[in-house]
mmCIF file of all heavy atoms, coordinates in Angstrom:
data_MODEL
# 
_entry.id   MODEL 
# 
loop_
_atom_site.group_PDB 
_atom_site.id 
_atom_site.type_symbol 
_atom_site.label_atom_id 
_atom_site.label_alt_id 
_atom_site.label_comp_id 
_atom_site.label_asym_id 
_atom_site.label_entity_id 
_atom_site.label_seq_id 
_atom_site.pdbx_PDB_ins_code 
_atom_site.Cartn_x 
_atom_site.Cartn_y 
_atom_site.Cartn_z 
_atom_site.occupancy 
_atom_site.B_iso_or_equiv 
_atom_site.pdbx_formal_charge 
_atom_site.auth_seq_id 
_atom_site.auth_comp_id 
_atom_site.auth_asym_id 
_atom_site.auth_atom_id 
_atom_site.pdbx_PDB_model_num 
ATOM 1   N N   . ILE A 1 1  ? -0.773  -14.835 -10.649 1.00 0.00 ? 1  ILE A N   1 
ATOM 2   C CA  . ILE A 1 1  ? -1.423  -15.986 -11.280 1.00 0.00 ? 1  ILE A CA  1 
ATOM 3   C C   . ILE A 1 1  ? -0.435  -17.131 -11.465 1.00 0.00 ? 1  ILE A C   1 
ATOM 4   O O   . ILE A 1 1  ? -0.737  -18.295 -11.166 1.00 0.00 ? 1  ILE A O   1 
ATOM 5   C CB  . ILE A 1 1  ? -2.039  -15.574 -12.635 1.00 0.00 ? 1  ILE A CB  1 
ATOM 6   C CG1 . ILE A 1 1  ? -3.202  -14.612 -12.412 1.00 0.00 ? 1  ILE A CG1 1 
ATOM 7   C CG2 . ILE A 1 1  ? -2.515  -16.797 -13.410 1.00 0.00 ? 1  ILE A CG2 1 
ATOM 8   C CD1 . ILE A 1 1  ? -3.783  -14.019 -13.681 1.00 0.00 ? 1  ILE A CD1 1 
ATOM 9   N N   . LYS A 1 2  ? 0.772   -16.807 -11.924 1.00 0.00 ? 2  LYS A N   1 
ATOM 10  C CA  . LYS A 1 2  ? 1.765   -17.847 -12.192 1.00 0.00 ? 2  LYS A CA  1 
ATOM 11  C C   . LYS A 1 2  ? 2.211   -18.574 -10.928 1.00 0.00 ? 2  LYS A C   1 
ATOM 12  O O   . LYS A 1 2  ? 2.673   -19.722 -11.004 1.00 0.00 ? 2  LYS A O   1 
ATOM 13  C CB  . LYS A 1 2  ? 2.969   -17.230 -12.895 1.00 0.00 ? 2  LYS A CB  1 
ATOM 14  C CG  . LYS A 1 2  ? 2.704   -16.870 -14.365 1.00 0.00 ? 2  LYS A CG  1 
ATOM 15  C CD  . LYS A 1 2  ? 3.952   -16.335 -15.046 1.00 0.00 ? 2  LYS A CD  1 
ATOM 16  C CE  . LYS A 1 2  ? 3.711   -16.086 -16.523 1.00 0.00 ? 2  LYS A CE  1 
ATOM 17  N NZ  . LYS A 1 2  ? 4.913   -15.543 -17.212 1.00 0.00 ? 2  LYS A NZ  1 
ATOM 18  N N   . GLN A 1 3  ? 2.062   -17.945 -9.769  1.00 0.00 ? 3  GLN A N   1 
ATOM 19  C CA  . GLN A 1 3  ? 2.427   -18.607 -8.513  1.00 0.00 ? 3  GLN A CA  1 
ATOM 20  C C   . GLN A 1 3  ? 1.570   -19.840 -8.249  1.00 0.00 ? 3  GLN A C   1 
ATOM 21  O O   . GLN A 1 3  ? 2.017   -20.794 -7.606  1.00 0.00 ? 3  GLN A O   1 
ATOM 22  C CB  . GLN A 1 3  ? 2.257   -17.631 -7.339  1.00 0.00 ? 3  GLN A CB  1 
ATOM 23  C CG  . GLN A 1 3  ? 3.290   -16.522 -7.285  1.00 0.00 ? 3  GLN A CG  1 
ATOM 24  C CD  . GLN A 1 3  ? 3.054   -15.612 -6.092  1.00 0.00 ? 3  GLN A CD  1 
ATOM 25  O OE1 . GLN A 1 3  ? 2.428   -15.999 -5.110  1.00 0.00 ? 3  GLN A OE1 1 
ATOM 26  N NE2 . GLN A 1 3  ? 3.537   -14.378 -6.174  1.00 0.00 ? 3  GLN A NE2 1 
ATOM 27  N N   . PHE A 1 4  ? 0.333   -19.805 -8.736  1.00 0.00 ? 4  PHE A N   1 
ATOM 28  C CA  . PHE A 1 4  ? -0.613  -20.874 -8.402  1.00 0.00 ? 4  PHE A CA  1 
ATOM 29  C C   . PHE A 1 4  ? -0.973  -21.764 -9.587  1.00 0.00 ? 4  PHE A C   1 
ATOM 30  O O   . PHE A 1 4  ? -1.543  -22.839 -9.401  1.00 0.00 ? 4  PHE A O   1 
ATOM 31  C CB  . PHE A 1 4  ? -1.898  -20.263 -7.827  1.00 0.00 ? 4  PHE A CB  1 
ATOM 32  C CG  . PHE A 1 4  ? -1.680  -19.412 -6.621  1.00 0.00 ? 4  PHE A CG  1 
ATOM 33  C CD1 . PHE A 1 4  ? -1.764  -18.029 -6.698  1.00 0.00 ? 4  PHE A CD1 1 
ATOM 34  C CD2 . PHE A 1 4  ? -1.369  -19.988 -5.398  1.00 0.00 ? 4  PHE A CD2 1 
ATOM 35  C CE1 . PHE A 1 4  ? -1.562  -17.238 -5.577  1.00 0.00 ? 4  PHE A CE1 1 
ATOM 36  C CE2 . PHE A 1 4  ? -1.154  -19.211 -4.274  1.00 0.00 ? 4  PHE A CE2 1 
ATOM 37  C CZ  . PHE A 1 4  ? -1.244  -17.830 -4.365  1.00 0.00 ? 4  PHE A CZ  1 
ATOM 38  N N   . LEU A 1 5  ? -0.655  -21.351 -10.801 1.00 0.00 ? 5  LEU A N   1 
ATOM 39  C CA  . LEU A 1 5  ? -0.999  -22.133 -11.988 1.00 0.00 ? 5  LEU A CA  1 
ATOM 40  C C   . LEU A 1 5  ? -0.044  -23.311 -12.146 1.00 0.00 ? 5  LEU A C   1 
ATOM 41  O O   . LEU A 1 5  ? 1.156   -23.133 -12.268 1.00 0.00 ? 5  LEU A O   1 
ATOM 42  C CB  . LEU A 1 5  ? -0.959  -21.236 -13.228 1.00 0.00 ? 5  LEU A CB  1 
ATOM 43  C CG  . LEU A 1 5  ? -1.468  -21.852 -14.537 1.00 0.00 ? 5  LEU A CG  1 
ATOM 44  C CD1 . LEU A 1 5  ? -2.945  -22.208 -14.430 1.00 0.00 ? 5  LEU A CD1 1 
ATOM 45  C CD2 . LEU A 1 5  ? -1.237  -20.876 -15.694 1.00 0.00 ? 5  LEU A CD2 1 
ATOM 46  N N   . GLN A 1 6  ? -0.598  -24.525 -12.142 1.00 0.00 ? 6  GLN A N   1 
ATOM 47  C CA  . GLN A 1 6  ? 0.213   -25.727 -12.241 1.00 0.00 ? 6  GLN A CA  1 
ATOM 48  C C   . GLN A 1 6  ? 0.496   -26.116 -13.690 1.00 0.00 ? 6  GLN A C   1 
ATOM 49  O O   . GLN A 1 6  ? 1.555   -26.641 -14.011 1.00 0.00 ? 6  GLN A O   1 
ATOM 50  C CB  . GLN A 1 6  ? -0.504  -26.892 -11.536 1.00 0.00 ? 6  GLN A CB  1 
ATOM 51  C CG  . GLN A 1 6  ? -0.803  -26.644 -10.073 1.00 0.00 ? 6  GLN A CG  1 
ATOM 52  C CD  . GLN A 1 6  ? 0.449   -26.496 -9.239  1.00 0.00 ? 6  GLN A CD  1 
ATOM 53  O OE1 . GLN A 1 6  ? 1.381   -27.299 -9.351  1.00 0.00 ? 6  GLN A OE1 1 
ATOM 54  N NE2 . GLN A 1 6  ? 0.478   -25.467 -8.395  1.00 0.00 ? 6  GLN A NE2 1 
ATOM 55  N N   . ASN A 1 7  ? -0.470  -25.856 -14.563 1.00 0.00 ? 7  ASN A N   1 
ATOM 56  C CA  . ASN A 1 7  ? -0.377  -26.309 -15.951 1.00 0.00 ? 7  ASN A CA  1 
ATOM 57  C C   . ASN A 1 7  ? -1.128  -25.308 -16.820 1.00 0.00 ? 7  ASN A C   1 
ATOM 58  O O   . ASN A 1 7  ? -2.319  -25.075 -16.608 1.00 0.00 ? 7  ASN A O   1 
ATOM 59  C CB  . ASN A 1 7  ? -0.991  -27.715 -16.052 1.00 0.00 ? 7  ASN A CB  1 
ATOM 60  C CG  . ASN A 1 7  ? -0.996  -28.255 -17.470 1.00 0.00 ? 7  ASN A CG  1 
ATOM 61  O OD1 . ASN A 1 7  ? -0.614  -27.562 -18.412 1.00 0.00 ? 7  ASN A OD1 1 
ATOM 62  N ND2 . ASN A 1 7  ? -1.456  -29.489 -17.629 1.00 0.00 ? 7  ASN A ND2 1 
ATOM 63  N N   . ASP A 1 8  ? -0.458  -24.716 -17.801 1.00 0.00 ? 8  ASP A N   1 
ATOM 64  C CA  . ASP A 1 8  ? -1.100  -23.683 -18.608 1.00 0.00 ? 8  ASP A CA  1 
ATOM 65  C C   . ASP A 1 8  ? -1.745  -24.218 -19.883 1.00 0.00 ? 8  ASP A C   1 
ATOM 66  O O   . ASP A 1 8  ? -2.083  -23.444 -20.780 1.00 0.00 ? 8  ASP A O   1 
ATOM 67  C CB  . ASP A 1 8  ? -0.105  -22.574 -18.944 1.00 0.00 ? 8  ASP A CB  1 
ATOM 68  C CG  . ASP A 1 8  ? 1.041   -23.062 -19.842 1.00 0.00 ? 8  ASP A CG  1 
ATOM 69  O OD1 . ASP A 1 8  ? 1.061   -24.263 -20.209 1.00 0.00 ? 8  ASP A OD1 1 
ATOM 70  O OD2 . ASP A 1 8  ? 1.914   -22.228 -20.174 1.00 0.00 ? 8  ASP A OD2 1 
ATOM 71  N N   . SER A 1 9  ? -1.966  -25.521 -19.955 1.00 0.00 ? 9  SER A N   1 
ATOM 72  C CA  . SER A 1 9  ? -2.649  -26.084 -21.113 1.00 0.00 ? 9  SER A CA  1 
ATOM 73  C C   . SER A 1 9  ? -4.046  -25.482 -21.241 1.00 0.00 ? 9  SER A C   1 
ATOM 74  O O   . SER A 1 9  ? -4.836  -25.484 -20.292 1.00 0.00 ? 9  SER A O   1 
ATOM 75  C CB  . SER A 1 9  ? -2.761  -27.609 -20.962 1.00 0.00 ? 9  SER A CB  1 
ATOM 76  O OG  . SER A 1 9  ? -3.530  -28.154 -22.006 1.00 0.00 ? 9  SER A OG  1 
ATOM 77  N N   . ARG A 1 10 ? -4.359  -24.944 -22.411 1.00 0.00 ? 10 ARG A N   1 
ATOM 78  C CA  . ARG A 1 10 ? -5.626  -24.304 -22.730 1.00 0.00 ? 10 ARG A CA  1 
ATOM 79  C C   . ARG A 1 10 ? -5.933  -23.119 -21.808 1.00 0.00 ? 10 ARG A C   1 
ATOM 80  O O   . ARG A 1 10 ? -7.101  -22.753 -21.608 1.00 0.00 ? 10 ARG A O   1 
ATOM 81  C CB  . ARG A 1 10 ? -6.786  -25.307 -22.694 1.00 0.00 ? 10 ARG A CB  1 
ATOM 82  C CG  . ARG A 1 10 ? -6.791  -26.203 -23.929 1.00 0.00 ? 10 ARG A CG  1 
ATOM 83  C CD  . ARG A 1 10 ? -8.023  -27.087 -23.997 1.00 0.00 ? 10 ARG A CD  1 
ATOM 84  N NE  . ARG A 1 10 ? -7.905  -28.255 -23.144 1.00 0.00 ? 10 ARG A NE  1 
ATOM 85  C CZ  . ARG A 1 10 ? -8.724  -28.546 -22.156 1.00 0.00 ? 10 ARG A CZ  1 
ATOM 86  N NH1 . ARG A 1 10 ? -9.745  -27.768 -21.878 1.00 0.00 ? 10 ARG A NH1 1 
ATOM 87  N NH2 . ARG A 1 10 ? -8.548  -29.627 -21.435 1.00 0.00 ? 10 ARG A NH2 1 
ATOM 88  N N   . ILE A 1 11 ? -4.916  -22.526 -21.224 1.00 0.00 ? 11 ILE A N   1 
ATOM 89  C CA  . ILE A 1 11 ? -5.084  -21.357 -20.358 1.00 0.00 ? 11 ILE A CA  1 
ATOM 90  C C   . ILE A 1 11 ? -4.137  -20.249 -20.816 1.00 0.00 ? 11 ILE A C   1 
ATOM 91  O O   . ILE A 1 11 ? -2.927  -20.458 -20.900 1.00 0.00 ? 11 ILE A O   1 
ATOM 92  C CB  . ILE A 1 11 ? -4.805  -21.695 -18.882 1.00 0.00 ? 11 ILE A CB  1 
ATOM 93  C CG1 . ILE A 1 11 ? -5.863  -22.677 -18.352 1.00 0.00 ? 11 ILE A CG1 1 
ATOM 94  C CG2 . ILE A 1 11 ? -4.798  -20.421 -18.031 1.00 0.00 ? 11 ILE A CG2 1 
ATOM 95  C CD1 . ILE A 1 11 ? -5.620  -23.141 -16.932 1.00 0.00 ? 11 ILE A CD1 1 
ATOM 96  N N   . GLN A 1 12 ? -4.696  -19.095 -21.105 1.00 0.00 ? 12 GLN A N   1 
ATOM 97  C CA  . GLN A 1 12 ? -3.916  -17.921 -21.508 1.00 0.00 ? 12 GLN A CA  1 
ATOM 98  C C   . GLN A 1 12 ? -3.985  -16.875 -20.395 1.00 0.00 ? 12 GLN A C   1 
ATOM 99  O O   . GLN A 1 12 ? -5.066  -16.561 -19.896 1.00 0.00 ? 12 GLN A O   1 
ATOM 100 C CB  . GLN A 1 12 ? -4.493  -17.338 -22.808 1.00 0.00 ? 12 GLN A CB  1 
ATOM 101 C CG  . GLN A 1 12 ? -3.782  -16.085 -23.292 1.00 0.00 ? 12 GLN A CG  1 
ATOM 102 C CD  . GLN A 1 12 ? -4.487  -15.448 -24.486 1.00 0.00 ? 12 GLN A CD  1 
ATOM 103 O OE1 . GLN A 1 12 ? -5.579  -15.879 -24.874 1.00 0.00 ? 12 GLN A OE1 1 
ATOM 104 N NE2 . GLN A 1 12 ? -3.875  -14.432 -25.072 1.00 0.00 ? 12 GLN A NE2 1 
ATOM 105 N N   . ILE A 1 13 ? -2.838  -16.364 -19.997 1.00 0.00 ? 13 ILE A N   1 
ATOM 106 C CA  . ILE A 1 13 ? -2.783  -15.326 -18.970 1.00 0.00 ? 13 ILE A CA  1 
ATOM 107 C C   . ILE A 1 13 ? -2.669  -13.968 -19.651 1.00 0.00 ? 13 ILE A C   1 
ATOM 108 O O   . ILE A 1 13 ? -1.810  -13.757 -20.503 1.00 0.00 ? 13 ILE A O   1 
ATOM 109 C CB  . ILE A 1 13 ? -1.585  -15.537 -18.027 1.00 0.00 ? 13 ILE A CB  1 
ATOM 110 C CG1 . ILE A 1 13 ? -1.659  -16.918 -17.354 1.00 0.00 ? 13 ILE A CG1 1 
ATOM 111 C CG2 . ILE A 1 13 ? -1.538  -14.443 -16.968 1.00 0.00 ? 13 ILE A CG2 1 
ATOM 112 C CD1 . ILE A 1 13 ? -0.428  -17.261 -16.544 1.00 0.00 ? 13 ILE A CD1 1 
ATOM 113 N N   . ILE A 1 14 ? -3.535  -13.032 -19.254 1.00 0.00 ? 14 ILE A N   1 
ATOM 114 C CA  . ILE A 1 14 ? -3.523  -11.685 -19.823 1.00 0.00 ? 14 ILE A CA  1 
ATOM 115 C C   . ILE A 1 14 ? -3.378  -10.676 -18.683 1.00 0.00 ? 14 ILE A C   1 
ATOM 116 O O   . ILE A 1 14 ? -4.209  -10.657 -17.760 1.00 0.00 ? 14 ILE A O   1 
ATOM 117 C CB  . ILE A 1 14 ? -4.799  -11.411 -20.631 1.00 0.00 ? 14 ILE A CB  1 
ATOM 118 C CG1 . ILE A 1 14 ? -4.926  -12.443 -21.774 1.00 0.00 ? 14 ILE A CG1 1 
ATOM 119 C CG2 . ILE A 1 14 ? -4.794  -9.990  -21.195 1.00 0.00 ? 14 ILE A CG2 1 
ATOM 120 C CD1 . ILE A 1 14 ? -6.231  -12.387 -22.505 1.00 0.00 ? 14 ILE A CD1 1 
ATOM 121 N N   . GLN A 1 15 ? -2.354  -9.864  -18.742 1.00 0.00 ? 15 GLN A N   1 
ATOM 122 C CA  . GLN A 1 15 ? -2.041  -8.913  -17.686 1.00 0.00 ? 15 GLN A CA  1 
ATOM 123 C C   . GLN A 1 15 ? -3.147  -7.869  -17.516 1.00 0.00 ? 15 GLN A C   1 
ATOM 124 O O   . GLN A 1 15 ? -3.615  -7.263  -18.484 1.00 0.00 ? 15 GLN A O   1 
ATOM 125 C CB  . GLN A 1 15 ? -0.715  -8.198  -17.976 1.00 0.00 ? 15 GLN A CB  1 
ATOM 126 C CG  . GLN A 1 15 ? -0.371  -7.056  -17.043 1.00 0.00 ? 15 GLN A CG  1 
ATOM 127 C CD  . GLN A 1 15 ? -0.081  -7.510  -15.613 1.00 0.00 ? 15 GLN A CD  1 
ATOM 128 O OE1 . GLN A 1 15 ? 0.225   -8.677  -15.367 1.00 0.00 ? 15 GLN A OE1 1 
ATOM 129 N NE2 . GLN A 1 15 ? -0.170  -6.585  -14.680 1.00 0.00 ? 15 GLN A NE2 1 
ATOM 130 N N   . ALA A 1 16 ? -3.546  -7.673  -16.255 1.00 0.00 ? 16 ALA A N   1 
ATOM 131 C CA  . ALA A 1 16 ? -4.463  -6.592  -15.879 1.00 0.00 ? 16 ALA A CA  1 
ATOM 132 C C   . ALA A 1 16 ? -3.789  -5.830  -14.745 1.00 0.00 ? 16 ALA A C   1 
ATOM 133 O O   . ALA A 1 16 ? -3.528  -6.393  -13.676 1.00 0.00 ? 16 ALA A O   1 
ATOM 134 C CB  . ALA A 1 16 ? -5.810  -7.153  -15.425 1.00 0.00 ? 16 ALA A CB  1 
ATOM 135 N N   . ASP A 1 17 ? -3.518  -4.579  -14.966 1.00 0.00 ? 17 ASP A N   1 
ATOM 136 C CA  . ASP A 1 17 ? -2.748  -3.788  -14.003 1.00 0.00 ? 17 ASP A CA  1 
ATOM 137 C C   . ASP A 1 17 ? -3.569  -3.362  -12.792 1.00 0.00 ? 17 ASP A C   1 
ATOM 138 O O   . ASP A 1 17 ? -3.009  -3.015  -11.752 1.00 0.00 ? 17 ASP A O   1 
ATOM 139 C CB  . ASP A 1 17 ? -2.180  -2.533  -14.676 1.00 0.00 ? 17 ASP A CB  1 
ATOM 140 C CG  . ASP A 1 17 ? -1.192  -2.881  -15.787 1.00 0.00 ? 17 ASP A CG  1 
ATOM 141 O OD1 . ASP A 1 17 ? -0.520  -3.924  -15.669 1.00 0.00 ? 17 ASP A OD1 1 
ATOM 142 O OD2 . ASP A 1 17 ? -1.099  -2.118  -16.762 1.00 0.00 ? 17 ASP A OD2 1 
ATOM 143 N N   . GLU A 1 18 ? -4.904  -3.383  -12.925 1.00 0.00 ? 18 GLU A N   1 
ATOM 144 C CA  . GLU A 1 18 ? -5.765  -2.895  -11.841 1.00 0.00 ? 18 GLU A CA  1 
ATOM 145 C C   . GLU A 1 18 ? -6.737  -3.977  -11.379 1.00 0.00 ? 18 GLU A C   1 
ATOM 146 O O   . GLU A 1 18 ? -7.033  -4.920  -12.103 1.00 0.00 ? 18 GLU A O   1 
ATOM 147 C CB  . GLU A 1 18 ? -6.558  -1.674  -12.314 1.00 0.00 ? 18 GLU A CB  1 
ATOM 148 C CG  . GLU A 1 18 ? -5.688  -0.478  -12.714 1.00 0.00 ? 18 GLU A CG  1 
ATOM 149 C CD  . GLU A 1 18 ? -6.515  0.637   -13.311 1.00 0.00 ? 18 GLU A CD  1 
ATOM 150 O OE1 . GLU A 1 18 ? -7.096  0.429   -14.395 1.00 0.00 ? 18 GLU A OE1 1 
ATOM 151 O OE2 . GLU A 1 18 ? -6.587  1.707   -12.679 1.00 0.00 ? 18 GLU A OE2 1 
ATOM 152 N N   . VAL A 1 19 ? -7.233  -3.794  -10.160 1.00 0.00 ? 19 VAL A N   1 
ATOM 153 C CA  . VAL A 1 19 ? -8.223  -4.705  -9.583  1.00 0.00 ? 19 VAL A CA  1 
ATOM 154 C C   . VAL A 1 19 ? -9.373  -3.870  -9.025  1.00 0.00 ? 19 VAL A C   1 
ATOM 155 O O   . VAL A 1 19 ? -9.143  -2.895  -8.305  1.00 0.00 ? 19 VAL A O   1 
ATOM 156 C CB  . VAL A 1 19 ? -7.621  -5.568  -8.457  1.00 0.00 ? 19 VAL A CB  1 
ATOM 157 C CG1 . VAL A 1 19 ? -8.707  -6.424  -7.799  1.00 0.00 ? 19 VAL A CG1 1 
ATOM 158 C CG2 . VAL A 1 19 ? -6.511  -6.459  -8.996  1.00 0.00 ? 19 VAL A CG2 1 
ATOM 159 N N   . ILE A 1 20 ? -10.589 -4.223  -9.360  1.00 0.00 ? 20 ILE A N   1 
ATOM 160 C CA  . ILE A 1 20 ? -11.759 -3.593  -8.741  1.00 0.00 ? 20 ILE A CA  1 
ATOM 161 C C   . ILE A 1 20 ? -12.033 -4.317  -7.429  1.00 0.00 ? 20 ILE A C   1 
ATOM 162 O O   . ILE A 1 20 ? -12.345 -5.512  -7.422  1.00 0.00 ? 20 ILE A O   1 
ATOM 163 C CB  . ILE A 1 20 ? -12.981 -3.658  -9.667  1.00 0.00 ? 20 ILE A CB  1 
ATOM 164 C CG1 . ILE A 1 20 ? -12.722 -2.808  -10.925 1.00 0.00 ? 20 ILE A CG1 1 
ATOM 165 C CG2 . ILE A 1 20 ? -14.236 -3.151  -8.948  1.00 0.00 ? 20 ILE A CG2 1 
ATOM 166 C CD1 . ILE A 1 20 ? -13.857 -2.818  -11.925 1.00 0.00 ? 20 ILE A CD1 1 
ATOM 167 N N   . GLU A 1 21 ? -11.890 -3.597  -6.324  1.00 0.00 ? 21 GLU A N   1 
ATOM 168 C CA  . GLU A 1 21 ? -12.047 -4.195  -5.004  1.00 0.00 ? 21 GLU A CA  1 
ATOM 169 C C   . GLU A 1 21 ? -13.523 -4.325  -4.640  1.00 0.00 ? 21 GLU A C   1 
ATOM 170 O O   . GLU A 1 21 ? -14.393 -3.674  -5.224  1.00 0.00 ? 21 GLU A O   1 
ATOM 171 C CB  . GLU A 1 21 ? -11.322 -3.344  -3.948  1.00 0.00 ? 21 GLU A CB  1 
ATOM 172 C CG  . GLU A 1 21 ? -9.857  -3.063  -4.258  1.00 0.00 ? 21 GLU A CG  1 
ATOM 173 C CD  . GLU A 1 21 ? -8.972  -4.305  -4.164  1.00 0.00 ? 21 GLU A CD  1 
ATOM 174 O OE1 . GLU A 1 21 ? -9.449  -5.336  -3.647  1.00 0.00 ? 21 GLU A OE1 1 
ATOM 175 O OE2 . GLU A 1 21 ? -7.812  -4.229  -4.602  1.00 0.00 ? 21 GLU A OE2 1 
ATOM 176 N N   . MET A 1 22 ? -13.798 -5.164  -3.630  1.00 0.00 ? 22 MET A N   1 
ATOM 177 C CA  . MET A 1 22 ? -15.181 -5.383  -3.198  1.00 0.00 ? 22 MET A CA  1 
ATOM 178 C C   . MET A 1 22 ? -15.838 -4.084  -2.714  1.00 0.00 ? 22 MET A C   1 
ATOM 179 O O   . MET A 1 22 ? -17.041 -3.901  -2.871  1.00 0.00 ? 22 MET A O   1 
ATOM 180 C CB  . MET A 1 22 ? -15.223 -6.442  -2.089  1.00 0.00 ? 22 MET A CB  1 
ATOM 181 C CG  . MET A 1 22 ? -14.888 -7.845  -2.560  1.00 0.00 ? 22 MET A CG  1 
ATOM 182 S SD  . MET A 1 22 ? -16.104 -8.465  -3.745  1.00 0.00 ? 22 MET A SD  1 
ATOM 183 C CE  . MET A 1 22 ? -15.674 -10.208 -3.778  1.00 0.00 ? 22 MET A CE  1 
ATOM 184 N N   . GLY A 1 23 ? -15.062 -3.189  -2.142  1.00 0.00 ? 23 GLY A N   1 
ATOM 185 C CA  . GLY A 1 23 ? -15.629 -1.957  -1.599  1.00 0.00 ? 23 GLY A CA  1 
ATOM 186 C C   . GLY A 1 23 ? -15.714 -0.811  -2.585  1.00 0.00 ? 23 GLY A C   1 
ATOM 187 O O   . GLY A 1 23 ? -16.222 0.264   -2.246  1.00 0.00 ? 23 GLY A O   1 
ATOM 188 N N   . ASP A 1 24 ? -15.249 -1.004  -3.806  1.00 0.00 ? 24 ASP A N   1 
ATOM 189 C CA  . ASP A 1 24 ? -15.286 0.063   -4.813  1.00 0.00 ? 24 ASP A CA  1 
ATOM 190 C C   . ASP A 1 24 ? -16.720 0.339   -5.265  1.00 0.00 ? 24 ASP A C   1 
ATOM 191 O O   . ASP A 1 24 ? -17.548 -0.578  -5.342  1.00 0.00 ? 24 ASP A O   1 
ATOM 192 C CB  . ASP A 1 24 ? -14.447 -0.319  -6.038  1.00 0.00 ? 24 ASP A CB  1 
ATOM 193 C CG  . ASP A 1 24 ? -12.951 -0.217  -5.783  1.00 0.00 ? 24 ASP A CG  1 
ATOM 194 O OD1 . ASP A 1 24 ? -12.560 0.348   -4.743  1.00 0.00 ? 24 ASP A OD1 1 
ATOM 195 O OD2 . ASP A 1 24 ? -12.177 -0.705  -6.627  1.00 0.00 ? 24 ASP A OD2 1 
ATOM 196 N N   . GLU A 1 25 ? -17.019 1.596   -5.571  1.00 0.00 ? 25 GLU A N   1 
ATOM 197 C CA  . GLU A 1 25 ? -18.317 1.945   -6.135  1.00 0.00 ? 25 GLU A CA  1 
ATOM 198 C C   . GLU A 1 25 ? -18.371 1.380   -7.553  1.00 0.00 ? 25 GLU A C   1 
ATOM 199 O O   . GLU A 1 25 ? -17.539 1.722   -8.389  1.00 0.00 ? 25 GLU A O   1 
ATOM 200 C CB  . GLU A 1 25 ? -18.471 3.469   -6.150  1.00 0.00 ? 25 GLU A CB  1 
ATOM 201 C CG  . GLU A 1 25 ? -19.911 3.941   -6.325  1.00 0.00 ? 25 GLU A CG  1 
ATOM 202 C CD  . GLU A 1 25 ? -20.400 3.792   -7.762  1.00 0.00 ? 25 GLU A CD  1 
ATOM 203 O OE1 . GLU A 1 25 ? -19.645 4.161   -8.688  1.00 0.00 ? 25 GLU A OE1 1 
ATOM 204 O OE2 . GLU A 1 25 ? -21.522 3.282   -7.965  1.00 0.00 ? 25 GLU A OE2 1 
ATOM 205 N N   . PRO A 1 26 ? -19.332 0.495   -7.843  1.00 0.00 ? 26 PRO A N   1 
ATOM 206 C CA  . PRO A 1 26 ? -19.300 -0.310  -9.069  1.00 0.00 ? 26 PRO A CA  1 
ATOM 207 C C   . PRO A 1 26 ? -19.190 0.466   -10.376 1.00 0.00 ? 26 PRO A C   1 
ATOM 208 O O   . PRO A 1 26 ? -18.266 0.226   -11.163 1.00 0.00 ? 26 PRO A O   1 
ATOM 209 C CB  . PRO A 1 26 ? -20.608 -1.101  -8.999  1.00 0.00 ? 26 PRO A CB  1 
ATOM 210 C CG  . PRO A 1 26 ? -20.906 -1.201  -7.556  1.00 0.00 ? 26 PRO A CG  1 
ATOM 211 C CD  . PRO A 1 26 ? -20.450 0.096   -6.964  1.00 0.00 ? 26 PRO A CD  1 
# 
């Protein structure tokens, strides 16, 4: 996220260790 965020005004970043992929069973 930090690679692309230009300005963190009014933006809070919260770590998520996992990602649900498009092919995952919902």
